Amino acid sequence: MPPRYVVLRHESPGGLHWDFMLEMDGVLATWALAEPPAAAVLAARPLPDHRVAYLEYEGPISGGRGSVTRWDRGTYHCKRREADEIVAVVDGEILQGEIILRRLSEAPAQWTLTYVPLAGQEAGPFGLRDGP
């Protein structure tokens, strides 16, 4: 089975953000985004690895950390995985295309996420084929 990914809409006491999670090495490598992945370059803040259970989980998070709702999910094929760059082709319910996660050289804790829809896919206001 190919590795999976999920994008969760996370309503937290600190504000709304989206968690982009890639299944890797038995955990979910996770980045926080200010908005859903779009056909643009977004700031992506790395978070600690999450449990694989979040691939399926929706609801409240313990410790008063808010709640999550699944925004997109699917599988992916990793084209490149290096310390400062991950390139993956995602096949999800909403996203279909290439995701490029790149660490900025001048700020090791700061990454960007670029979503490039497959040719022929609609790129609406959020870079989606079917909308949010």
N, C-alpha and C. Protein backbone atom coordinates (compact mmCIF):
# COMPACT_ATOMS: atom_id res chain seq x y z
N MET A 1 0.84 -1.19 0.00
CA MET A 1 0.00 0.00 0.00
C MET A 1 0.88 1.25 0.00
N PRO A 2 0.57 2.23 -0.86
CA PRO A 2 1.38 3.46 -0.88
C PRO A 2 1.21 4.24 0.42
N PRO A 3 2.20 5.07 0.76
CA PRO A 3 2.06 5.89 1.97
C PRO A 3 0.90 6.87 1.81
N ARG A 4 0.34 7.27 2.94
CA ARG A 4 -0.82 8.15 2.95
C ARG A 4 -0.45 9.55 3.43
N TYR A 5 -1.34 10.47 3.13
CA TYR A 5 -1.21 11.82 3.66
C TYR A 5 -2.60 12.29 4.08
N VAL A 6 -2.61 13.33 4.89
CA VAL A 6 -3.87 13.94 5.30
C VAL A 6 -3.63 15.44 5.52
N VAL A 7 -4.66 16.22 5.27
CA VAL A 7 -4.65 17.64 5.62
C VAL A 7 -5.80 17.84 6.59
N LEU A 8 -5.48 18.31 7.79
CA LEU A 8 -6.49 18.53 8.83
C LEU A 8 -6.70 20.02 9.07
N ARG A 9 -7.95 20.41 9.15
CA ARG A 9 -8.30 21.78 9.56
C ARG A 9 -8.27 21.77 11.08
N HIS A 10 -7.36 22.53 11.66
CA HIS A 10 -7.12 22.49 13.10
C HIS A 10 -7.56 23.82 13.73
N GLU A 11 -8.67 23.76 14.45
CA GLU A 11 -9.14 24.92 15.21
C GLU A 11 -8.55 24.81 16.61
N SER A 12 -7.62 25.70 16.91
CA SER A 12 -6.92 25.62 18.20
C SER A 12 -7.07 26.94 18.94
N PRO A 13 -6.75 26.94 20.24
CA PRO A 13 -6.81 28.20 21.00
C PRO A 13 -5.93 29.29 20.38
N GLY A 14 -4.86 28.89 19.70
CA GLY A 14 -3.98 29.86 19.05
C GLY A 14 -4.46 30.34 17.70
N GLY A 15 -5.58 29.80 17.22
CA GLY A 15 -6.12 30.21 15.93
C GLY A 15 -6.23 29.05 14.96
N LEU A 16 -6.87 29.31 13.85
CA LEU A 16 -7.10 28.30 12.83
C LEU A 16 -5.86 28.11 11.96
N HIS A 17 -5.50 26.85 11.70
CA HIS A 17 -4.46 26.53 10.73
C HIS A 17 -4.75 25.15 10.15
N TRP A 18 -3.98 24.74 9.17
CA TRP A 18 -4.13 23.43 8.54
C TRP A 18 -2.86 22.64 8.79
N ASP A 19 -3.01 21.37 9.18
CA ASP A 19 -1.87 20.48 9.40
C ASP A 19 -1.71 19.59 8.17
N PHE A 20 -0.58 19.71 7.48
CA PHE A 20 -0.27 18.86 6.34
C PHE A 20 0.62 17.74 6.86
N MET A 21 0.18 16.48 6.70
CA MET A 21 0.86 15.34 7.31
C MET A 21 1.18 14.27 6.27
N LEU A 22 2.43 13.84 6.24
CA LEU A 22 2.89 12.76 5.37
C LEU A 22 3.28 11.56 6.21
N GLU A 23 2.76 10.40 5.88
CA GLU A 23 3.13 9.16 6.56
C GLU A 23 4.56 8.80 6.15
N MET A 24 5.47 8.76 7.14
CA MET A 24 6.89 8.46 6.89
C MET A 24 7.46 7.72 8.09
N ASP A 25 8.07 6.60 7.85
CA ASP A 25 8.79 5.87 8.89
C ASP A 25 7.94 5.62 10.14
N GLY A 26 6.67 5.30 9.96
CA GLY A 26 5.81 4.94 11.08
C GLY A 26 5.20 6.10 11.84
N VAL A 27 5.44 7.33 11.39
CA VAL A 27 4.86 8.52 12.02
C VAL A 27 4.35 9.45 10.92
N LEU A 28 3.73 10.54 11.33
CA LEU A 28 3.29 11.55 10.38
C LEU A 28 4.18 12.78 10.50
N ALA A 29 5.03 12.99 9.49
CA ALA A 29 5.79 14.24 9.42
C ALA A 29 4.77 15.34 9.18
N THR A 30 4.85 16.43 9.96
CA THR A 30 3.76 17.41 10.00
C THR A 30 4.27 18.84 9.86
N TRP A 31 3.53 19.62 9.08
CA TRP A 31 3.79 21.05 8.91
C TRP A 31 2.48 21.80 9.09
N ALA A 32 2.52 22.96 9.75
CA ALA A 32 1.35 23.82 9.92
C ALA A 32 1.33 24.86 8.81
N LEU A 33 0.14 25.04 8.21
CA LEU A 33 -0.06 26.01 7.13
C LEU A 33 -1.13 27.00 7.57
N ALA A 34 -1.00 28.26 7.14
CA ALA A 34 -2.00 29.27 7.48
C ALA A 34 -3.29 29.10 6.69
N GLU A 35 -3.22 28.38 5.56
CA GLU A 35 -4.39 28.12 4.73
C GLU A 35 -4.20 26.78 4.05
N PRO A 36 -5.24 26.25 3.42
CA PRO A 36 -5.09 24.96 2.75
C PRO A 36 -4.07 25.05 1.61
N PRO A 37 -3.46 23.93 1.23
CA PRO A 37 -2.52 23.96 0.10
C PRO A 37 -3.19 24.55 -1.13
N ALA A 38 -2.48 25.47 -1.80
CA ALA A 38 -3.00 26.16 -2.97
C ALA A 38 -1.93 26.17 -4.05
N ALA A 39 -2.33 26.57 -5.24
CA ALA A 39 -1.39 26.67 -6.35
C ALA A 39 -0.52 27.91 -6.14
N ALA A 40 0.23 27.90 -5.07
CA ALA A 40 1.08 29.02 -4.68
C ALA A 40 2.10 28.50 -3.67
N VAL A 41 3.01 29.37 -3.27
CA VAL A 41 3.99 29.01 -2.25
C VAL A 41 3.46 29.49 -0.91
N LEU A 42 3.38 28.56 0.05
CA LEU A 42 2.89 28.88 1.39
C LEU A 42 3.99 28.65 2.42
N ALA A 43 4.00 29.46 3.47
CA ALA A 43 4.89 29.19 4.59
C ALA A 43 4.41 27.92 5.28
N ALA A 44 5.36 27.07 5.66
CA ALA A 44 5.03 25.79 6.31
C ALA A 44 5.92 25.65 7.54
N ARG A 45 5.29 25.68 8.71
CA ARG A 45 6.04 25.58 9.97
C ARG A 45 6.09 24.12 10.42
N PRO A 46 7.30 23.56 10.54
CA PRO A 46 7.38 22.16 10.97
C PRO A 46 6.89 21.99 12.40
N LEU A 47 6.17 20.91 12.62
CA LEU A 47 5.67 20.54 13.94
C LEU A 47 6.28 19.20 14.32
N PRO A 48 6.22 18.83 15.59
CA PRO A 48 6.69 17.48 15.96
C PRO A 48 5.90 16.42 15.20
N ASP A 49 6.54 15.27 14.98
CA ASP A 49 5.85 14.15 14.33
C ASP A 49 4.59 13.80 15.11
N HIS A 50 3.56 13.40 14.38
CA HIS A 50 2.28 13.01 14.98
C HIS A 50 2.06 11.51 14.82
N ARG A 51 1.15 10.99 15.64
CA ARG A 51 0.78 9.57 15.55
C ARG A 51 0.01 9.30 14.27
N VAL A 52 0.20 8.11 13.71
CA VAL A 52 -0.47 7.70 12.48
C VAL A 52 -1.99 7.70 12.65
N ALA A 53 -2.47 7.62 13.87
CA ALA A 53 -3.92 7.63 14.13
C ALA A 53 -4.58 8.88 13.55
N TYR A 54 -3.83 9.97 13.39
CA TYR A 54 -4.41 11.20 12.85
C TYR A 54 -4.78 11.07 11.37
N LEU A 55 -4.36 10.02 10.71
CA LEU A 55 -4.81 9.79 9.33
C LEU A 55 -6.32 9.59 9.27
N GLU A 56 -6.90 9.06 10.35
CA GLU A 56 -8.33 8.75 10.39
C GLU A 56 -9.10 9.59 11.40
N TYR A 57 -8.40 10.27 12.31
CA TYR A 57 -9.07 10.91 13.44
C TYR A 57 -9.67 12.27 13.06
N GLU A 58 -10.86 12.53 13.59
CA GLU A 58 -11.48 13.84 13.57
C GLU A 58 -12.13 14.04 14.94
N GLY A 59 -12.01 15.24 15.49
CA GLY A 59 -12.63 15.51 16.77
C GLY A 59 -11.74 16.32 17.68
N PRO A 60 -12.09 16.35 18.98
CA PRO A 60 -11.32 17.14 19.94
C PRO A 60 -9.94 16.53 20.19
N ILE A 61 -8.99 17.40 20.50
CA ILE A 61 -7.63 16.97 20.82
C ILE A 61 -7.43 17.18 22.32
N SER A 62 -6.82 16.21 22.97
CA SER A 62 -6.63 16.28 24.42
C SER A 62 -5.81 17.51 24.82
N GLY A 63 -5.92 17.85 26.08
CA GLY A 63 -5.13 18.95 26.63
C GLY A 63 -5.61 20.33 26.19
N GLY A 64 -6.86 20.43 25.74
CA GLY A 64 -7.38 21.73 25.34
C GLY A 64 -6.72 22.32 24.11
N ARG A 65 -6.25 21.44 23.22
CA ARG A 65 -5.53 21.91 22.02
C ARG A 65 -6.44 22.10 20.81
N GLY A 66 -7.75 22.13 21.04
CA GLY A 66 -8.68 22.38 19.95
C GLY A 66 -9.26 21.12 19.36
N SER A 67 -9.64 21.20 18.08
CA SER A 67 -10.21 20.04 17.39
C SER A 67 -9.77 20.06 15.93
N VAL A 68 -9.84 18.87 15.31
CA VAL A 68 -9.43 18.74 13.92
C VAL A 68 -10.56 18.13 13.09
N THR A 69 -10.63 18.58 11.85
CA THR A 69 -11.57 18.05 10.86
C THR A 69 -10.76 17.74 9.60
N ARG A 70 -10.99 16.58 9.04
CA ARG A 70 -10.24 16.21 7.83
C ARG A 70 -10.69 17.08 6.66
N TRP A 71 -9.73 17.68 5.98
CA TRP A 71 -9.99 18.51 4.82
C TRP A 71 -9.67 17.76 3.52
N ASP A 72 -8.63 16.94 3.56
CA ASP A 72 -8.27 16.11 2.41
C ASP A 72 -7.48 14.91 2.90
N ARG A 73 -7.51 13.85 2.10
CA ARG A 73 -6.70 12.67 2.40
C ARG A 73 -6.48 11.91 1.12
N GLY A 74 -5.43 11.09 1.15
CA GLY A 74 -5.13 10.27 -0.02
C GLY A 74 -3.81 9.57 0.16
N THR A 75 -3.23 9.18 -0.96
CA THR A 75 -1.93 8.52 -0.96
C THR A 75 -0.94 9.40 -1.72
N TYR A 76 0.33 9.05 -1.60
CA TYR A 76 1.34 9.82 -2.32
C TYR A 76 2.49 8.92 -2.73
N HIS A 77 3.21 9.40 -3.71
CA HIS A 77 4.45 8.76 -4.16
C HIS A 77 5.57 9.77 -3.94
N CYS A 78 6.58 9.38 -3.18
CA CYS A 78 7.69 10.27 -2.88
C CYS A 78 8.70 10.23 -4.04
N LYS A 79 8.90 11.36 -4.70
CA LYS A 79 9.87 11.45 -5.79
C LYS A 79 11.27 11.77 -5.27
N ARG A 80 11.33 12.57 -4.20
CA ARG A 80 12.62 12.93 -3.62
C ARG A 80 12.43 13.21 -2.14
N ARG A 81 13.35 12.71 -1.34
CA ARG A 81 13.30 12.94 0.10
C ARG A 81 14.72 13.21 0.58
N GLU A 82 14.98 14.46 0.89
CA GLU A 82 16.28 14.88 1.39
C GLU A 82 16.06 15.68 2.66
N ALA A 83 17.13 16.03 3.35
CA ALA A 83 17.01 16.76 4.62
C ALA A 83 16.31 18.11 4.44
N ASP A 84 16.50 18.74 3.27
CA ASP A 84 15.94 20.07 3.08
C ASP A 84 14.88 20.14 1.98
N GLU A 85 14.46 18.99 1.45
CA GLU A 85 13.43 19.01 0.41
C GLU A 85 12.73 17.67 0.30
N ILE A 86 11.41 17.73 0.19
CA ILE A 86 10.59 16.55 -0.07
C ILE A 86 9.71 16.89 -1.27
N VAL A 87 9.73 16.02 -2.27
CA VAL A 87 8.87 16.19 -3.44
C VAL A 87 8.00 14.95 -3.53
N ALA A 88 6.69 15.16 -3.53
CA ALA A 88 5.75 14.04 -3.54
C ALA A 88 4.62 14.33 -4.53
N VAL A 89 4.14 13.27 -5.17
CA VAL A 89 2.96 13.37 -6.03
C VAL A 89 1.79 12.84 -5.21
N VAL A 90 0.81 13.71 -4.94
CA VAL A 90 -0.33 13.33 -4.11
C VAL A 90 -1.53 12.98 -4.98
N ASP A 91 -2.28 11.98 -4.52
CA ASP A 91 -3.51 11.55 -5.18
C ASP A 91 -4.59 11.51 -4.11
N GLY A 92 -5.24 12.64 -3.93
CA GLY A 92 -6.21 12.75 -2.85
C GLY A 92 -7.61 13.01 -3.33
N GLU A 93 -8.51 13.18 -2.38
CA GLU A 93 -9.90 13.49 -2.68
C GLU A 93 -10.03 14.90 -3.25
N ILE A 94 -9.17 15.81 -2.82
CA ILE A 94 -9.17 17.19 -3.30
C ILE A 94 -7.89 17.50 -4.08
N LEU A 95 -6.76 17.27 -3.45
CA LEU A 95 -5.47 17.58 -4.09
C LEU A 95 -5.04 16.45 -5.02
N GLN A 96 -4.62 16.82 -6.22
CA GLN A 96 -4.00 15.88 -7.15
C GLN A 96 -2.92 16.65 -7.88
N GLY A 97 -1.68 16.30 -7.58
CA GLY A 97 -0.58 17.01 -8.19
C GLY A 97 0.69 16.81 -7.40
N GLU A 98 1.59 17.76 -7.53
CA GLU A 98 2.89 17.65 -6.88
C GLU A 98 2.96 18.61 -5.70
N ILE A 99 3.48 18.11 -4.60
CA ILE A 99 3.74 18.91 -3.40
C ILE A 99 5.25 19.01 -3.26
N ILE A 100 5.74 20.23 -3.10
CA ILE A 100 7.17 20.44 -2.87
C ILE A 100 7.32 21.12 -1.52
N LEU A 101 7.93 20.43 -0.58
CA LEU A 101 8.25 21.00 0.73
C LEU A 101 9.73 21.32 0.72
N ARG A 102 10.08 22.57 0.99
CA ARG A 102 11.48 22.99 0.91
C ARG A 102 11.84 23.80 2.14
N ARG A 103 12.93 23.38 2.78
CA ARG A 103 13.43 24.15 3.93
C ARG A 103 14.22 25.34 3.39
N LEU A 104 13.97 26.52 3.94
CA LEU A 104 14.70 27.71 3.53
C LEU A 104 16.09 27.67 4.16
N SER A 105 17.10 27.90 3.38
CA SER A 105 18.47 27.77 3.87
C SER A 105 18.79 28.76 4.99
N GLU A 106 18.21 29.96 4.92
CA GLU A 106 18.53 30.95 5.95
C GLU A 106 17.75 30.75 7.24
N ALA A 107 16.80 29.84 7.25
CA ALA A 107 15.99 29.60 8.45
C ALA A 107 15.67 28.11 8.54
N PRO A 108 16.52 27.31 9.20
CA PRO A 108 16.30 25.86 9.22
C PRO A 108 14.93 25.44 9.73
N ALA A 109 14.30 26.23 10.59
CA ALA A 109 12.99 25.83 11.12
C ALA A 109 11.84 26.34 10.24
N GLN A 110 12.14 27.00 9.14
CA GLN A 110 11.10 27.53 8.26
C GLN A 110 11.13 26.81 6.91
N TRP A 111 9.98 26.33 6.51
CA TRP A 111 9.83 25.63 5.24
C TRP A 111 8.80 26.35 4.39
N THR A 112 8.75 25.98 3.11
CA THR A 112 7.66 26.40 2.23
C THR A 112 7.01 25.15 1.66
N LEU A 113 5.72 25.26 1.34
CA LEU A 113 5.00 24.21 0.65
C LEU A 113 4.45 24.80 -0.64
N THR A 114 4.76 24.14 -1.75
CA THR A 114 4.24 24.54 -3.05
C THR A 114 3.39 23.40 -3.58
N TYR A 115 2.17 23.72 -4.01
CA TYR A 115 1.29 22.73 -4.62
C TYR A 115 1.17 23.06 -6.10
N VAL A 116 1.48 22.07 -6.95
CA VAL A 116 1.37 22.22 -8.40
C VAL A 116 0.33 21.21 -8.88
N PRO A 117 -0.89 21.68 -9.23
CA PRO A 117 -1.93 20.74 -9.68
C PRO A 117 -1.50 20.02 -10.95
N LEU A 118 -2.00 18.79 -11.12
CA LEU A 118 -1.75 18.05 -12.35
C LEU A 118 -2.30 18.84 -13.53
N ALA A 119 -1.68 18.69 -14.69
CA ALA A 119 -2.17 19.36 -15.90
C ALA A 119 -3.62 18.96 -16.12
N GLY A 120 -4.44 19.94 -16.43
CA GLY A 120 -5.85 19.67 -16.68
C GLY A 120 -6.73 19.76 -15.44
N GLN A 121 -6.12 19.86 -14.26
CA GLN A 121 -6.90 19.99 -13.03
C GLN A 121 -7.29 21.45 -12.82
N GLU A 122 -8.47 21.66 -12.30
CA GLU A 122 -8.91 23.01 -11.98
C GLU A 122 -8.07 23.54 -10.83
N ALA A 123 -7.68 24.79 -10.91
CA ALA A 123 -6.97 25.44 -9.82
C ALA A 123 -7.81 26.62 -9.37
N GLY A 124 -8.81 26.33 -8.55
CA GLY A 124 -9.71 27.36 -8.04
C GLY A 124 -9.01 28.24 -7.03
N PRO A 125 -9.77 28.94 -6.19
CA PRO A 125 -9.17 29.89 -5.26
C PRO A 125 -8.21 29.23 -4.27
N PHE A 126 -8.37 27.94 -4.02
CA PHE A 126 -7.45 27.24 -3.13
C PHE A 126 -6.60 26.23 -3.91
N GLY A 127 -6.54 26.32 -5.22
CA GLY A 127 -5.76 25.38 -6.01
C GLY A 127 -6.39 24.01 -6.07
N LEU A 128 -7.70 23.93 -5.90
CA LEU A 128 -8.39 22.65 -5.78
C LEU A 128 -9.13 22.30 -7.05
N ARG A 129 -9.43 21.01 -7.17
CA ARG A 129 -10.27 20.62 -8.29
C ARG A 129 -11.74 20.70 -7.94
N ASP A 130 -12.11 20.51 -6.67
CA ASP A 130 -13.52 20.48 -6.28
C ASP A 130 -13.91 21.55 -5.27
N GLY A 131 -12.99 22.38 -4.84
CA GLY A 131 -13.31 23.41 -3.86
C GLY A 131 -13.11 22.95 -2.44
N PRO A 132 -13.16 23.89 -1.50
CA PRO A 132 -12.88 23.54 -0.09
C PRO A 132 -13.97 22.72 0.55
